PDB file of N, CA and C in Angstrom:
ATOM      1  N   MET A   1      -9.947  -7.320  12.346  1.00  0.00           N
ATOM      2  CA  MET A   1      -8.633  -7.823  11.989  1.00  0.00           C
ATOM      3  C   MET A   1      -8.135  -8.679  13.155  1.00  0.00           C
ATOM      4  N   ASN A   2      -7.631  -9.862  12.835  1.00  0.00           N
ATOM      5  CA  ASN A   2      -7.230 -10.740  13.930  1.00  0.00           C
ATOM      6  C   ASN A   2      -5.916 -10.280  14.567  1.00  0.00           C
ATOM      7  N   GLU A   3      -5.661 -10.825  15.747  1.00  0.00           N
ATOM      8  CA  GLU A   3      -4.518 -10.396  16.550  1.00  0.00           C
ATOM      9  C   GLU A   3      -3.175 -10.674  15.868  1.00  0.00           C
ATOM     10  N   ASN A   4      -3.056 -11.796  15.169  1.00  0.00           N
ATOM     11  CA  ASN A   4      -1.804 -12.109  14.467  1.00  0.00           C
ATOM     12  C   ASN A   4      -1.481 -11.063  13.408  1.00  0.00           C
ATOM     13  N   ILE A   5      -2.498 -10.633  12.681  1.00  0.00           N
ATOM     14  CA  ILE A   5      -2.297  -9.607  11.650  1.00  0.00           C
ATOM     15  C   ILE A   5      -1.945  -8.273  12.297  1.00  0.00           C
ATOM     16  N   GLN A   6      -2.650  -7.916  13.365  1.00  0.00           N
ATOM     17  CA  GLN A   6      -2.341  -6.666  14.071  1.00  0.00           C
ATOM     18  C   GLN A   6      -0.902  -6.661  14.575  1.00  0.00           C
ATOM     19  N   ASN A   7      -0.472  -7.776  15.152  1.00  0.00           N
ATOM     20  CA  ASN A   7       0.908  -7.870  15.642  1.00  0.00           C
ATOM     21  C   ASN A   7       1.907  -7.760  14.495  1.00  0.00           C
ATOM     22  N   ALA A   8       1.623  -8.425  13.385  1.00  0.00           N
ATOM     23  CA  ALA A   8       2.521  -8.361  12.226  1.00  0.00           C
ATOM     24  C   ALA A   8       2.641  -6.927  11.709  1.00  0.00           C
ATOM     25  N   LEU A   9       1.539  -6.204  11.680  1.00  0.00           N
ATOM     26  CA  LEU A   9       1.574  -4.817  11.221  1.00  0.00           C
ATOM     27  C   LEU A   9       2.436  -3.946  12.130  1.00  0.00           C
ATOM     28  N   GLN A  10       2.529  -4.304  13.398  1.00  0.00           N
ATOM     29  CA  GLN A  10       3.327  -3.525  14.340  1.00  0.00           C
ATOM     30  C   GLN A  10       4.790  -3.945  14.385  1.00  0.00           C
ATOM     31  N   GLU A  11       5.085  -5.187  13.998  1.00  0.00           N
ATOM     32  CA  GLU A  11       6.435  -5.708  14.199  1.00  0.00           C
ATOM     33  C   GLU A  11       7.199  -6.035  12.919  1.00  0.00           C
ATOM     34  N   ASP A  12       6.524  -6.507  11.903  1.00  0.00           N
ATOM     35  CA  ASP A  12       7.217  -6.933  10.682  1.00  0.00           C
ATOM     36  C   ASP A  12       7.678  -5.716   9.878  1.00  0.00           C
ATOM     37  N   ASN A  13       8.826  -5.839   9.256  1.00  0.00           N
ATOM     38  CA  ASN A  13       9.377  -4.726   8.483  1.00  0.00           C
ATOM     39  C   ASN A  13       9.346  -4.936   6.980  1.00  0.00           C
ATOM     40  N   LEU A  14       9.334  -6.172   6.546  1.00  0.00           N
ATOM     41  CA  LEU A  14       9.401  -6.461   5.122  1.00  0.00           C
ATOM     42  C   LEU A  14       8.036  -6.938   4.628  1.00  0.00           C
ATOM     43  N   VAL A  15       7.502  -6.259   3.611  1.00  0.00           N
ATOM     44  CA  VAL A  15       6.197  -6.600   3.044  1.00  0.00           C
ATOM     45  C   VAL A  15       6.303  -6.603   1.523  1.00  0.00           C
ATOM     46  N   ASP A  16       5.290  -7.138   0.893  1.00  0.00           N
ATOM     47  CA  ASP A  16       5.123  -6.991  -0.549  1.00  0.00           C
ATOM     48  C   ASP A  16       3.950  -6.051  -0.785  1.00  0.00           C
ATOM     49  N   ILE A  17       4.014  -5.330  -1.867  1.00  0.00           N
ATOM     50  CA  ILE A  17       2.933  -4.444  -2.293  1.00  0.00           C
ATOM     51  C   ILE A  17       2.584  -4.822  -3.728  1.00  0.00           C
ATOM     52  N   THR A  18       1.294  -4.915  -4.022  1.00  0.00           N
ATOM     53  CA  THR A  18       0.851  -5.101  -5.403  1.00  0.00           C
ATOM     54  C   THR A  18       0.184  -3.818  -5.867  1.00  0.00           C
ATOM     55  N   VAL A  19       0.645  -3.321  -7.009  1.00  0.00           N
ATOM     56  CA  VAL A  19       0.093  -2.121  -7.634  1.00  0.00           C
ATOM     57  C   VAL A  19      -0.370  -2.481  -9.042  1.00  0.00           C
ATOM     58  N   THR A  20      -1.175  -1.607  -9.619  1.00  0.00           N
ATOM     59  CA  THR A  20      -1.616  -1.778 -10.999  1.00  0.00           C
ATOM     60  C   THR A  20      -0.749  -0.907 -11.901  1.00  0.00           C
ATOM     61  N   GLY A  21      -0.170  -1.510 -12.918  1.00  0.00           N
ATOM     62  CA  GLY A  21       0.659  -0.759 -13.860  1.00  0.00           C
ATOM     63  C   GLY A  21      -0.149   0.331 -14.546  1.00  0.00           C
ATOM     64  N   ARG A  22       0.350   1.541 -14.523  1.00  0.00           N
ATOM     65  CA  ARG A  22      -0.395   2.681 -15.074  1.00  0.00           C
ATOM     66  C   ARG A  22      -0.532   2.615 -16.586  1.00  0.00           C
ATOM     67  N   LYS A  23       0.389   1.954 -17.265  1.00  0.00           N
ATOM     68  CA  LYS A  23       0.326   1.830 -18.720  1.00  0.00           C
ATOM     69  C   LYS A  23      -0.246   0.483 -19.139  1.00  0.00           C
ATOM     70  N   SER A  24       0.228  -0.583 -18.510  1.00  0.00           N
ATOM     71  CA  SER A  24      -0.167  -1.939 -18.922  1.00  0.00           C
ATOM     72  C   SER A  24      -1.469  -2.406 -18.288  1.00  0.00           C
ATOM     73  N   GLY A  25      -1.793  -1.866 -17.104  1.00  0.00           N
ATOM     74  CA  GLY A  25      -2.950  -2.355 -16.368  1.00  0.00           C
ATOM     75  C   GLY A  25      -2.685  -3.680 -15.669  1.00  0.00           C
ATOM     76  N   GLN A  26      -1.474  -4.200 -15.800  1.00  0.00           N
ATOM     77  CA  GLN A  26      -1.121  -5.472 -15.169  1.00  0.00           C
ATOM     78  C   GLN A  26      -0.734  -5.251 -13.711  1.00  0.00           C
ATOM     79  N   LEU A  27      -0.971  -6.283 -12.896  1.00  0.00           N
ATOM     80  CA  LEU A  27      -0.585  -6.213 -11.495  1.00  0.00           C
ATOM     81  C   LEU A  27       0.922  -6.406 -11.376  1.00  0.00           C
ATOM     82  N   ARG A  28       1.543  -5.577 -10.554  1.00  0.00           N
ATOM     83  CA  ARG A  28       2.987  -5.622 -10.322  1.00  0.00           C
ATOM     84  C   ARG A  28       3.217  -5.753  -8.820  1.00  0.00           C
ATOM     85  N   LYS A  29       4.062  -6.699  -8.439  1.00  0.00           N
ATOM     86  CA  LYS A  29       4.340  -6.950  -7.025  1.00  0.00           C
ATOM     87  C   LYS A  29       5.808  -6.661  -6.745  1.00  0.00           C
ATOM     88  N   PHE A  30       6.078  -5.984  -5.618  1.00  0.00           N
ATOM     89  CA  PHE A  30       7.454  -5.690  -5.238  1.00  0.00           C
ATOM     90  C   PHE A  30       7.589  -5.742  -3.720  1.00  0.00           C
ATOM     91  N   GLU A  31       8.821  -5.938  -3.288  1.00  0.00           N
ATOM     92  CA  GLU A  31       9.139  -6.022  -1.863  1.00  0.00           C
ATOM     93  C   GLU A  31       9.644  -4.669  -1.381  1.00  0.00           C
ATOM     94  N   ILE A  32       9.230  -4.287  -0.155  1.00  0.00           N
ATOM     95  CA  ILE A  32       9.642  -2.988   0.378  1.00  0.00           C
ATOM     96  C   ILE A  32       9.550  -3.021   1.901  1.00  0.00           C
ATOM     97  N   MET A  33      10.247  -2.092   2.535  1.00  0.00           N
ATOM     98  CA  MET A  33      10.206  -1.969   3.992  1.00  0.00           C
ATOM     99  C   MET A  33       8.955  -1.196   4.407  1.00  0.00           C
ATOM    100  N   LEU A  34       8.288  -1.693   5.440  1.00  0.00           N
ATOM    101  CA  LEU A  34       7.133  -1.014   6.018  1.00  0.00           C
ATOM    102  C   LEU A  34       7.607  -0.213   7.222  1.00  0.00           C
ATOM    103  N   ARG A  35       7.216   1.046   7.272  1.00  0.00           N
ATOM    104  CA  ARG A  35       7.573   1.935   8.386  1.00  0.00           C
ATOM    105  C   ARG A  35       6.294   2.323   9.118  1.00  0.00           C
ATOM    106  N   ARG A  36       6.442   2.721  10.379  1.00  0.00           N
ATOM    107  CA  ARG A  36       5.292   3.094  11.191  1.00  0.00           C
ATOM    108  C   ARG A  36       5.547   4.406  11.920  1.00  0.00           C
ATOM    109  N   ASP A  37       4.455   5.138  12.150  1.00  0.00           N
ATOM    110  CA  ASP A  37       4.514   6.336  12.982  1.00  0.00           C
ATOM    111  C   ASP A  37       3.115   6.623  13.494  1.00  0.00           C
ATOM    112  N   ALA A  38       2.953   6.611  14.797  1.00  0.00           N
ATOM    113  CA  ALA A  38       1.698   6.994  15.454  1.00  0.00           C
ATOM    114  C   ALA A  38       0.478   6.288  14.857  1.00  0.00           C
ATOM    115  N   GLY A  39       0.594   4.986  14.663  1.00  0.00           N
ATOM    116  CA  GLY A  39      -0.531   4.209  14.157  1.00  0.00           C
ATOM    117  C   GLY A  39      -0.751   4.291  12.659  1.00  0.00           C
ATOM    118  N   HIS A  40       0.144   4.937  11.942  1.00  0.00           N
ATOM    119  CA  HIS A  40       0.062   5.047  10.489  1.00  0.00           C
ATOM    120  C   HIS A  40       1.182   4.214   9.869  1.00  0.00           C
ATOM    121  N   TYR A  41       0.955   3.764   8.633  1.00  0.00           N
ATOM    122  CA  TYR A  41       1.911   2.915   7.921  1.00  0.00           C
ATOM    123  C   TYR A  41       2.435   3.650   6.694  1.00  0.00           C
ATOM    124  N   TYR A  42       3.734   3.470   6.424  1.00  0.00           N
ATOM    125  CA  TYR A  42       4.389   4.181   5.330  1.00  0.00           C
ATOM    126  C   TYR A  42       5.351   3.260   4.590  1.00  0.00           C
ATOM    127  N   ILE A  43       5.565   3.577   3.322  1.00  0.00           N
ATOM    128  CA  ILE A  43       6.661   3.002   2.557  1.00  0.00           C
ATOM    129  C   ILE A  43       7.413   4.167   1.915  1.00  0.00           C
ATOM    130  N   ALA A  44       8.697   3.955   1.675  1.00  0.00           N
ATOM    131  CA  ALA A  44       9.511   5.026   1.098  1.00  0.00           C
ATOM    132  C   ALA A  44      10.521   4.433   0.128  1.00  0.00           C
ATOM    133  N   GLY A  45      10.885   5.236  -0.858  1.00  0.00           N
ATOM    134  CA  GLY A  45      11.888   4.830  -1.837  1.00  0.00           C
ATOM    135  C   GLY A  45      12.899   5.928  -2.055  1.00  0.00           C
ATOM    136  N   ARG A  46      14.068   5.546  -2.439  1.00  0.00           N
ATOM    137  CA  ARG A  46      15.172   6.488  -2.663  1.00  0.00           C
ATOM    138  C   ARG A  46      14.796   7.583  -3.672  1.00  0.00           C
ATOM    139  N   PRO A  47      15.538   8.705  -3.615  1.00  0.00           N
ATOM    140  CA  PRO A  47      15.250   9.836  -4.502  1.00  0.00           C
ATOM    141  C   PRO A  47      15.689   9.614  -5.949  1.00  0.00           C
ATOM    142  N   GLU A  48      15.109   8.657  -6.604  1.00  0.00           N
ATOM    143  CA  GLU A  48      15.331   8.422  -8.038  1.00  0.00           C
ATOM    144  C   GLU A  48      14.019   7.898  -8.616  1.00  0.00           C
ATOM    145  N   PRO A  49      13.832   7.946  -9.906  1.00  0.00           N
ATOM    146  CA  PRO A  49      12.555   7.503 -10.488  1.00  0.00           C
ATOM    147  C   PRO A  49      12.210   6.065 -10.081  1.00  0.00           C
ATOM    148  N   LYS A  50      10.951   5.861  -9.750  1.00  0.00           N
ATOM    149  CA  LYS A  50      10.455   4.540  -9.351  1.00  0.00           C
ATOM    150  C   LYS A  50       9.118   4.288 -10.041  1.00  0.00           C
ATOM    151  N   ASP A  51       9.022   3.185 -10.754  1.00  0.00           N
ATOM    152  CA  ASP A  51       7.759   2.845 -11.406  1.00  0.00           C
ATOM    153  C   ASP A  51       6.647   2.619 -10.402  1.00  0.00           C
ATOM    154  N   TRP A  52       6.967   1.961  -9.281  1.00  0.00           N
ATOM    155  CA  TRP A  52       5.914   1.670  -8.314  1.00  0.00           C
ATOM    156  C   TRP A  52       5.271   2.952  -7.805  1.00  0.00           C
ATOM    157  N   TYR A  53       6.061   4.006  -7.635  1.00  0.00           N
ATOM    158  CA  TYR A  53       5.529   5.273  -7.144  1.00  0.00           C
ATOM    159  C   TYR A  53       4.591   5.896  -8.184  1.00  0.00           C
ATOM    160  N   ALA A  54       5.026   5.938  -9.419  1.00  0.00           N
ATOM    161  CA  ALA A  54       4.180   6.478 -10.493  1.00  0.00           C
ATOM    162  C   ALA A  54       2.899   5.656 -10.630  1.00  0.00           C
ATOM    163  N   ASN A  55       3.009   4.345 -10.483  1.00  0.00           N
ATOM    164  CA  ASN A  55       1.824   3.487 -10.559  1.00  0.00           C
ATOM    165  C   ASN A  55       0.850   3.786  -9.426  1.00  0.00           C
ATOM    166  N   MET A  56       1.363   3.992  -8.217  1.00  0.00           N
ATOM    167  CA  MET A  56       0.489   4.304  -7.078  1.00  0.00           C
ATOM    168  C   MET A  56      -0.193   5.651  -7.237  1.00  0.00           C
ATOM    169  N   LEU A  57       0.514   6.619  -7.791  1.00  0.00           N
ATOM    170  CA  LEU A  57      -0.110   7.922  -8.017  1.00  0.00           C
ATOM    171  C   LEU A  57      -1.249   7.803  -9.024  1.00  0.00           C
ATOM    172  N   ALA A  58      -1.056   6.975 -10.041  1.00  0.00           N
ATOM    173  CA  ALA A  58      -2.075   6.797 -11.078  1.00  0.00           C
ATOM    174  C   ALA A  58      -3.236   5.934 -10.597  1.00  0.00           C
ATOM    175  N   GLU A  59      -2.942   4.924  -9.782  1.00  0.00           N
ATOM    176  CA  GLU A  59      -3.974   4.001  -9.280  1.00  0.00           C
ATOM    177  C   GLU A  59      -3.658   3.682  -7.819  1.00  0.00           C
ATOM    178  N   PRO A  60      -4.237   4.461  -6.891  1.00  0.00           N
ATOM    179  CA  PRO A  60      -3.869   4.325  -5.480  1.00  0.00           C
ATOM    180  C   PRO A  60      -4.438   3.102  -4.753  1.00  0.00           C
ATOM    181  N   GLU A  61      -5.293   2.330  -5.408  1.00  0.00           N
ATOM    182  CA  GLU A  61      -5.820   1.117  -4.763  1.00  0.00           C
ATOM    183  C   GLU A  61      -4.770   0.017  -4.890  1.00  0.00           C
ATOM    184  N   ILE A  62      -4.266  -0.458  -3.756  1.00  0.00           N
ATOM    185  CA  ILE A  62      -3.162  -1.417  -3.736  1.00  0.00           C
ATOM    186  C   ILE A  62      -3.499  -2.582  -2.809  1.00  0.00           C
ATOM    187  N   THR A  63      -2.598  -3.561  -2.756  1.00  0.00           N
ATOM    188  CA  THR A  63      -2.693  -4.645  -1.781  1.00  0.00           C
ATOM    189  C   THR A  63      -1.378  -4.720  -1.027  1.00  0.00           C
ATOM    190  N   LEU A  64      -1.474  -4.723   0.301  1.00  0.00           N
ATOM    191  CA  LEU A  64      -0.330  -4.906   1.183  1.00  0.00           C
ATOM    192  C   LEU A  64      -0.299  -6.374   1.580  1.00  0.00           C
ATOM    193  N   HIS A  65       0.815  -7.042   1.314  1.00  0.00           N
ATOM    194  CA  HIS A  65       0.950  -8.469   1.612  1.00  0.00           C
ATOM    195  C   HIS A  65       1.889  -8.654   2.801  1.00  0.00           C
ATOM    196  N   LEU A  66       1.346  -9.125   3.910  1.00  0.00           N
ATOM    197  CA  LEU A  66       2.185  -9.505   5.048  1.00  0.00           C
ATOM    198  C   LEU A  66       2.789 -10.859   4.744  1.00  0.00           C
ATOM    199  N   LYS A  67       4.064 -11.059   5.153  1.00  0.00           N
ATOM    200  CA  LYS A  67       4.704 -12.317   4.783  1.00  0.00           C
ATOM    201  C   LYS A  67       5.735 -12.803   5.793  1.00  0.00           C
ATOM    202  N   GLN A  68       5.833 -12.149   6.932  1.00  0.00           N
ATOM    203  CA  GLN A  68       6.826 -12.580   7.902  1.00  0.00           C
ATOM    204  C   GLN A  68       6.158 -13.358   9.035  1.00  0.00           C
ATOM    205  N   SER A  69       5.753 -12.704  10.107  1.00  0.00           N
ATOM    206  CA  SER A  69       5.172 -13.420  11.246  1.00  0.00           C
ATOM    207  C   SER A  69       3.728 -13.840  11.002  1.00  0.00           C
ATOM    208  N   ALA A  70       3.093 -13.242  10.015  1.00  0.00           N
ATOM    209  CA  ALA A  70       1.730 -13.618   9.611  1.00  0.00           C
ATOM    210  C   ALA A  70       1.631 -13.432   8.105  1.00  0.00           C
ATOM    211  N   GLN A  71       0.720 -14.158   7.494  1.00  0.00           N
ATOM    212  CA  GLN A  71       0.481 -14.005   6.061  1.00  0.00           C
ATOM    213  C   GLN A  71      -0.937 -13.471   5.877  1.00  0.00           C
ATOM    214  N   ALA A  72      -1.034 -12.377   5.122  1.00  0.00           N
ATOM    215  CA  ALA A  72      -2.340 -11.788   4.841  1.00  0.00           C
ATOM    216  C   ALA A  72      -2.206 -10.852   3.653  1.00  0.00           C
ATOM    217  N   ASP A  73      -3.286 -10.735   2.893  1.00  0.00           N
ATOM    218  CA  ASP A  73      -3.376  -9.806   1.770  1.00  0.00           C
ATOM    219  C   ASP A  73      -4.400  -8.750   2.156  1.00  0.00           C
ATOM    220  N   LEU A  74      -3.938  -7.527   2.368  1.00  0.00           N
ATOM    221  CA  LEU A  74      -4.779  -6.472   2.914  1.00  0.00           C
ATOM    222  C   LEU A  74      -5.016  -5.374   1.885  1.00  0.00           C
ATOM    223  N   PRO A  75      -6.274  -5.142   1.504  1.00  0.00           N
ATOM    224  CA  PRO A  75      -6.554  -4.038   0.582  1.00  0.00           C
ATOM    225  C   PRO A  75      -6.261  -2.704   1.268  1.00  0.00           C
ATOM    226  N   ALA A  76      -5.722  -1.771   0.494  1.00  0.00           N
ATOM    227  CA  ALA A  76      -5.321  -0.488   1.058  1.00  0.00           C
ATOM    228  C   ALA A  76      -5.359   0.589  -0.018  1.00  0.00           C
ATOM    229  N   THR A  77      -5.210   1.817   0.439  1.00  0.00           N
ATOM    230  CA  THR A  77      -5.125   2.966  -0.452  1.00  0.00           C
ATOM    231  C   THR A  77      -3.812   3.689  -0.170  1.00  0.00           C
ATOM    232  N   ALA A  78      -3.131   4.099  -1.220  1.00  0.00           N
ATOM    233  CA  ALA A  78      -1.846   4.795  -1.111  1.00  0.00           C
ATOM    234  C   ALA A  78      -2.057   6.298  -1.281  1.00  0.00           C
ATOM    235  N   HIS A  79      -1.399   7.067  -0.412  1.00  0.00           N
ATOM    236  CA  HIS A  79      -1.465   8.529  -0.478  1.00  0.00           C
ATOM    237  C   HIS A  79      -0.051   9.088  -0.402  1.00  0.00           C
ATOM    238  N   ALA A  80       0.339   9.865  -1.379  1.00  0.00           N
ATOM    239  CA  ALA A  80       1.664  10.492  -1.357  1.00  0.00           C
ATOM    240  C   ALA A  80       1.724  11.521  -0.234  1.00  0.00           C
ATOM    241  N   VAL A  81       2.827  11.521   0.507  1.00  0.00           N
ATOM    242  CA  VAL A  81       3.074  12.532   1.536  1.00  0.00           C
ATOM    243  C   VAL A  81       3.932  13.606   0.881  1.00  0.00           C
ATOM    244  N   LEU A  82       3.361  14.795   0.706  1.00  0.00           N
ATOM    245  CA  LEU A  82       4.026  15.854  -0.056  1.00  0.00           C
ATOM    246  C   LEU A  82       4.494  17.032   0.792  1.00  0.00           C
ATOM    247  N   ASP A  83       3.907  17.234   1.962  1.00  0.00           N
ATOM    248  CA  ASP A  83       4.261  18.363   2.814  1.00  0.00           C
ATOM    249  C   ASP A  83       5.699  18.209   3.323  1.00  0.00           C
ATOM    250  N   ALA A  84       6.548  19.195   3.049  1.00  0.00           N
ATOM    251  CA  ALA A  84       7.976  19.096   3.379  1.00  0.00           C
ATOM    252  C   ALA A  84       8.211  18.932   4.878  1.00  0.00           C
ATOM    253  N   ALA A  85       7.487  19.654   5.701  1.00  0.00           N
ATOM    254  CA  ALA A  85       7.681  19.546   7.154  1.00  0.00           C
ATOM    255  C   ALA A  85       7.304  18.153   7.650  1.00  0.00           C
ATOM    256  N   GLU A  86       6.223  17.612   7.144  1.00  0.00           N
ATOM    257  CA  GLU A  86       5.803  16.263   7.534  1.00  0.00           C
ATOM    258  C   GLU A  86       6.797  15.223   7.018  1.00  0.00           C
ATOM    259  N   ARG A  87       7.277  15.396   5.814  1.00  0.00           N
ATOM    260  CA  ARG A  87       8.270  14.476   5.250  1.00  0.00           C
ATOM    261  C   ARG A  87       9.544  14.489   6.112  1.00  0.00           C
ATOM    262  N   ARG A  88       9.992  15.685   6.487  1.00  0.00           N
ATOM    263  CA  ARG A  88      11.196  15.805   7.316  1.00  0.00           C
ATOM    264  C   ARG A  88      10.987  15.097   8.655  1.00  0.00           C
ATOM    265  N   ARG A  89       9.862  15.350   9.296  1.00  0.00           N
ATOM    266  CA  ARG A  89       9.568  14.728  10.583  1.00  0.00           C
ATOM    267  C   ARG A  89       9.559  13.208  10.466  1.00  0.00           C
ATOM    268  N   LEU A  90       8.898  12.692   9.425  1.00  0.00           N
ATOM    269  CA  LEU A  90       8.815  11.240   9.250  1.00  0.00           C
ATOM    270  C   LEU A  90      10.177  10.624   8.953  1.00  0.00           C
ATOM    271  N   PHE A  91      10.938  11.215   8.053  1.00  0.00           N
ATOM    272  CA  PHE A  91      12.257  10.651   7.750  1.00  0.00           C
ATOM    273  C   PHE A  91      13.180  10.715   8.969  1.00  0.00           C
ATOM    274  N   GLN A  92      13.096  11.782   9.756  1.00  0.00           N
ATOM    275  CA  GLN A  92      13.890  11.840  10.987  1.00  0.00           C
ATOM    276  C   GLN A  92      13.493  10.699  11.921  1.00  0.00           C
ATOM    277  N   HIS A  93      12.207  10.450  12.023  1.00  0.00           N
ATOM    278  CA  HIS A  93      11.712   9.347  12.860  1.00  0.00           C
ATOM    279  C   HIS A  93      12.194   8.000  12.321  1.00  0.00           C
ATOM    280  N   PHE A  94      12.077   7.787  11.024  1.00  0.00           N
ATOM    281  CA  PHE A  94      12.466   6.506  10.423  1.00  0.00           C
ATOM    282  C   PHE A  94      13.977   6.261  10.533  1.00  0.00           C
ATOM    283  N   PHE A  95      14.771   7.304  10.322  1.00  0.00           N
ATOM    284  CA  PHE A  95      16.223   7.141  10.274  1.00  0.00           C
ATOM    285  C   PHE A  95      16.869   7.114  11.654  1.00  0.00           C
ATOM    286  N   GLY A  96      16.236   7.773  12.645  1.00  0.00           N
ATOM    287  CA  GLY A  96      16.826   7.815  13.979  1.00  0.00           C
ATOM    288  C   GLY A  96      18.210   8.426  13.926  1.00  0.00           C
ATOM    289  N   ASP A  97      19.174   7.744  14.517  1.00  0.00           N
ATOM    290  CA  ASP A  97      20.540   8.274  14.516  1.00  0.00           C
ATOM    291  C   ASP A  97      21.438   7.534  13.523  1.00  0.00           C
ATOM    292  N   SER A  98      20.832   6.943  12.507  1.00  0.00           N
ATOM    293  CA  SER A  98      21.611   6.202  11.509  1.00  0.00           C
ATOM    294  C   SER A  98      22.360   7.155  10.576  1.00  0.00           C
ATOM    295  N   GLU A  99      23.258   6.589   9.792  1.00  0.00           N
ATOM    296  CA  GLU A  99      24.025   7.376   8.819  1.00  0.00           C
ATOM    297  C   GLU A  99      23.129   8.007   7.756  1.00  0.00           C
ATOM    298  N   MET A 100      21.933   7.491   7.588  1.00  0.00           N
ATOM    299  CA  MET A 100      21.023   8.045   6.573  1.00  0.00           C
ATOM    300  C   MET A 100      20.638   9.484   6.896  1.00  0.00           C
ATOM    301  N   MET A 101      20.762   9.881   8.165  1.00  0.00           N
ATOM    302  CA  MET A 101      20.456  11.263   8.543  1.00  0.00           C
ATOM    303  C   MET A 101      21.382  12.245   7.826  1.00  0.00           C
ATOM    304  N   ASP A 102      22.574  11.791   7.432  1.00  0.00           N
ATOM    305  CA  ASP A 102      23.510  12.667   6.719  1.00  0.00           C
ATOM    306  C   ASP A 102      22.943  13.133   5.383  1.00  0.00           C
ATOM    307  N   ASP A 103      22.009  12.388   4.835  1.00  0.00           N
ATOM    308  CA  ASP A 103      21.416  12.692   3.532  1.00  0.00           C
ATOM    309  C   ASP A 103      19.941  13.088   3.665  1.00  0.00           C
ATOM    310  N   LEU A 104      19.560  13.557   4.847  1.00  0.00           N
ATOM    311  CA  LEU A 104      18.154  13.844   5.138  1.00  0.00           C
ATOM    312  C   LEU A 104      17.511  14.777   4.118  1.00  0.00           C
ATOM    313  N   GLU A 105      18.172  15.862   3.766  1.00  0.00           N
ATOM    314  CA  GLU A 105      17.548  16.841   2.866  1.00  0.00           C
ATOM    315  C   GLU A 105      17.272  16.259   1.488  1.00  0.00           C
ATOM    316  N   ASN A 106      18.139  15.391   0.989  1.00  0.00           N
ATOM    317  CA  ASN A 106      17.863  14.731  -0.294  1.00  0.00           C
ATOM    318  C   ASN A 106      16.626  13.852  -0.192  1.00  0.00           C
ATOM    319  N   TRP A 107      16.472  13.172   0.931  1.00  0.00           N
ATOM    320  CA  TRP A 107      15.280  12.341   1.132  1.00  0.00           C
ATOM    321  C   TRP A 107      14.027  13.214   1.226  1.00  0.00           C
ATOM    322  N   VAL A 108      14.107  14.291   1.983  1.00  0.00           N
ATOM    323  CA  VAL A 108      12.944  15.174   2.144  1.00  0.00           C
ATOM    324  C   VAL A 108      12.533  15.749   0.797  1.00  0.00           C
ATOM    325  N   GLN A 109      13.500  16.156  -0.010  1.00  0.00           N
ATOM    326  CA  GLN A 109      13.192  16.817  -1.271  1.00  0.00           C
ATOM    327  C   GLN A 109      12.868  15.863  -2.416  1.00  0.00           C
ATOM    328  N   GLY A 110      13.423  14.648  -2.402  1.00  0.00           N
ATOM    329  CA  GLY A 110      13.266  13.827  -3.591  1.00  0.00           C
ATOM    330  C   GLY A 110      12.762  12.409  -3.418  1.00  0.00           C
ATOM    331  N   ALA A 111      12.760  11.906  -2.195  1.00  0.00           N
ATOM    332  CA  ALA A 111      12.366  10.507  -2.002  1.00  0.00           C
ATOM    333  C   ALA A 111      10.868  10.316  -2.196  1.00  0.00           C
ATOM    334  N   LYS A 112      10.515   9.080  -2.478  1.00  0.00           N
ATOM    335  CA  LYS A 112       9.107   8.714  -2.602  1.00  0.00           C
ATOM    336  C   LYS A 112       8.620   8.333  -1.210  1.00  0.00           C
ATOM    337  N   LEU A 113       7.549   8.958  -0.734  1.00  0.00           N
ATOM    338  CA  LEU A 113       7.003   8.661   0.589  1.00  0.00           C
ATOM    339  C   LEU A 113       5.496   8.512   0.460  1.00  0.00           C
ATOM    340  N   ILE A 114       5.015   7.347   0.831  1.00  0.00           N
ATOM    341  CA  ILE A 114       3.602   7.000   0.680  1.00  0.00           C
ATOM    342  C   ILE A 114       3.036   6.561   2.019  1.00  0.00           C
ATOM    343  N   GLU A 115       1.888   7.113   2.381  1.00  0.00           N
ATOM    344  CA  GLU A 115       1.140   6.586   3.521  1.00  0.00           C
ATOM    345  C   GLU A 115       0.196   5.513   2.999  1.00  0.00           C
ATOM    346  N   ILE A 116       0.166   4.385   3.690  1.00  0.00           N
ATOM    347  CA  ILE A 116      -0.696   3.265   3.334  1.00  0.00           C
ATOM    348  C   ILE A 116      -1.860   3.237   4.313  1.00  0.00           C
ATOM    349  N   GLN A 117      -3.063   3.425   3.809  1.00  0.00           N
ATOM    350  CA  GLN A 117      -4.255   3.363   4.654  1.00  0.00           C
ATOM    351  C   GLN A 117      -4.987   2.066   4.365  1.00  0.00           C
ATOM    352  N   LEU A 118      -5.041   1.216   5.390  1.00  0.00           N
ATOM    353  CA  LEU A 118      -5.724  -0.065   5.245  1.00  0.00           C
ATOM    354  C   LEU A 118      -7.222   0.152   5.181  1.00  0.00           C
ATOM    355  N   LYS A 119      -7.885  -0.665   4.389  1.00  0.00           N
ATOM    356  CA  LYS A 119      -9.343  -0.602   4.299  1.00  0.00           C
ATOM    357  C   LYS A 119      -9.934  -1.491   5.388  1.00  0.00           C
ATOM    358  N   SER A 120     -11.062  -1.107   5.888  1.00  0.00           N
ATOM    359  CA  SER A 120     -11.708  -1.878   6.970  1.00  0.00           C
ATOM    360  C   SER A 120     -12.222  -3.208   6.497  1.00  0.00           C
TER     361      SER A 120
END
């Protein structure tokens, strides 16, 4: 992976993700914030139903599209983070001291949290 892509993965926050529709089989692209922790990449969604989350559970092969400081289409695999202690730790890390910490338990219990593993 070239240096520009590596830097973008460490610094850019806004990415696109392409998933396969679980019912239609069509490719669906959406914009989302990329989060990081200890060399791992994550995306998260609010605690309400999300089609992209259901699509990733059904078909975890996705594409991560960098679009800020570098442009690249990176094949990846999505894995739901289900362990409550790990979810709490990650959301605490992502939220820091922001107002979102006031709603931490709702995020831990209901939010969509996916680890994105890039393919070599």
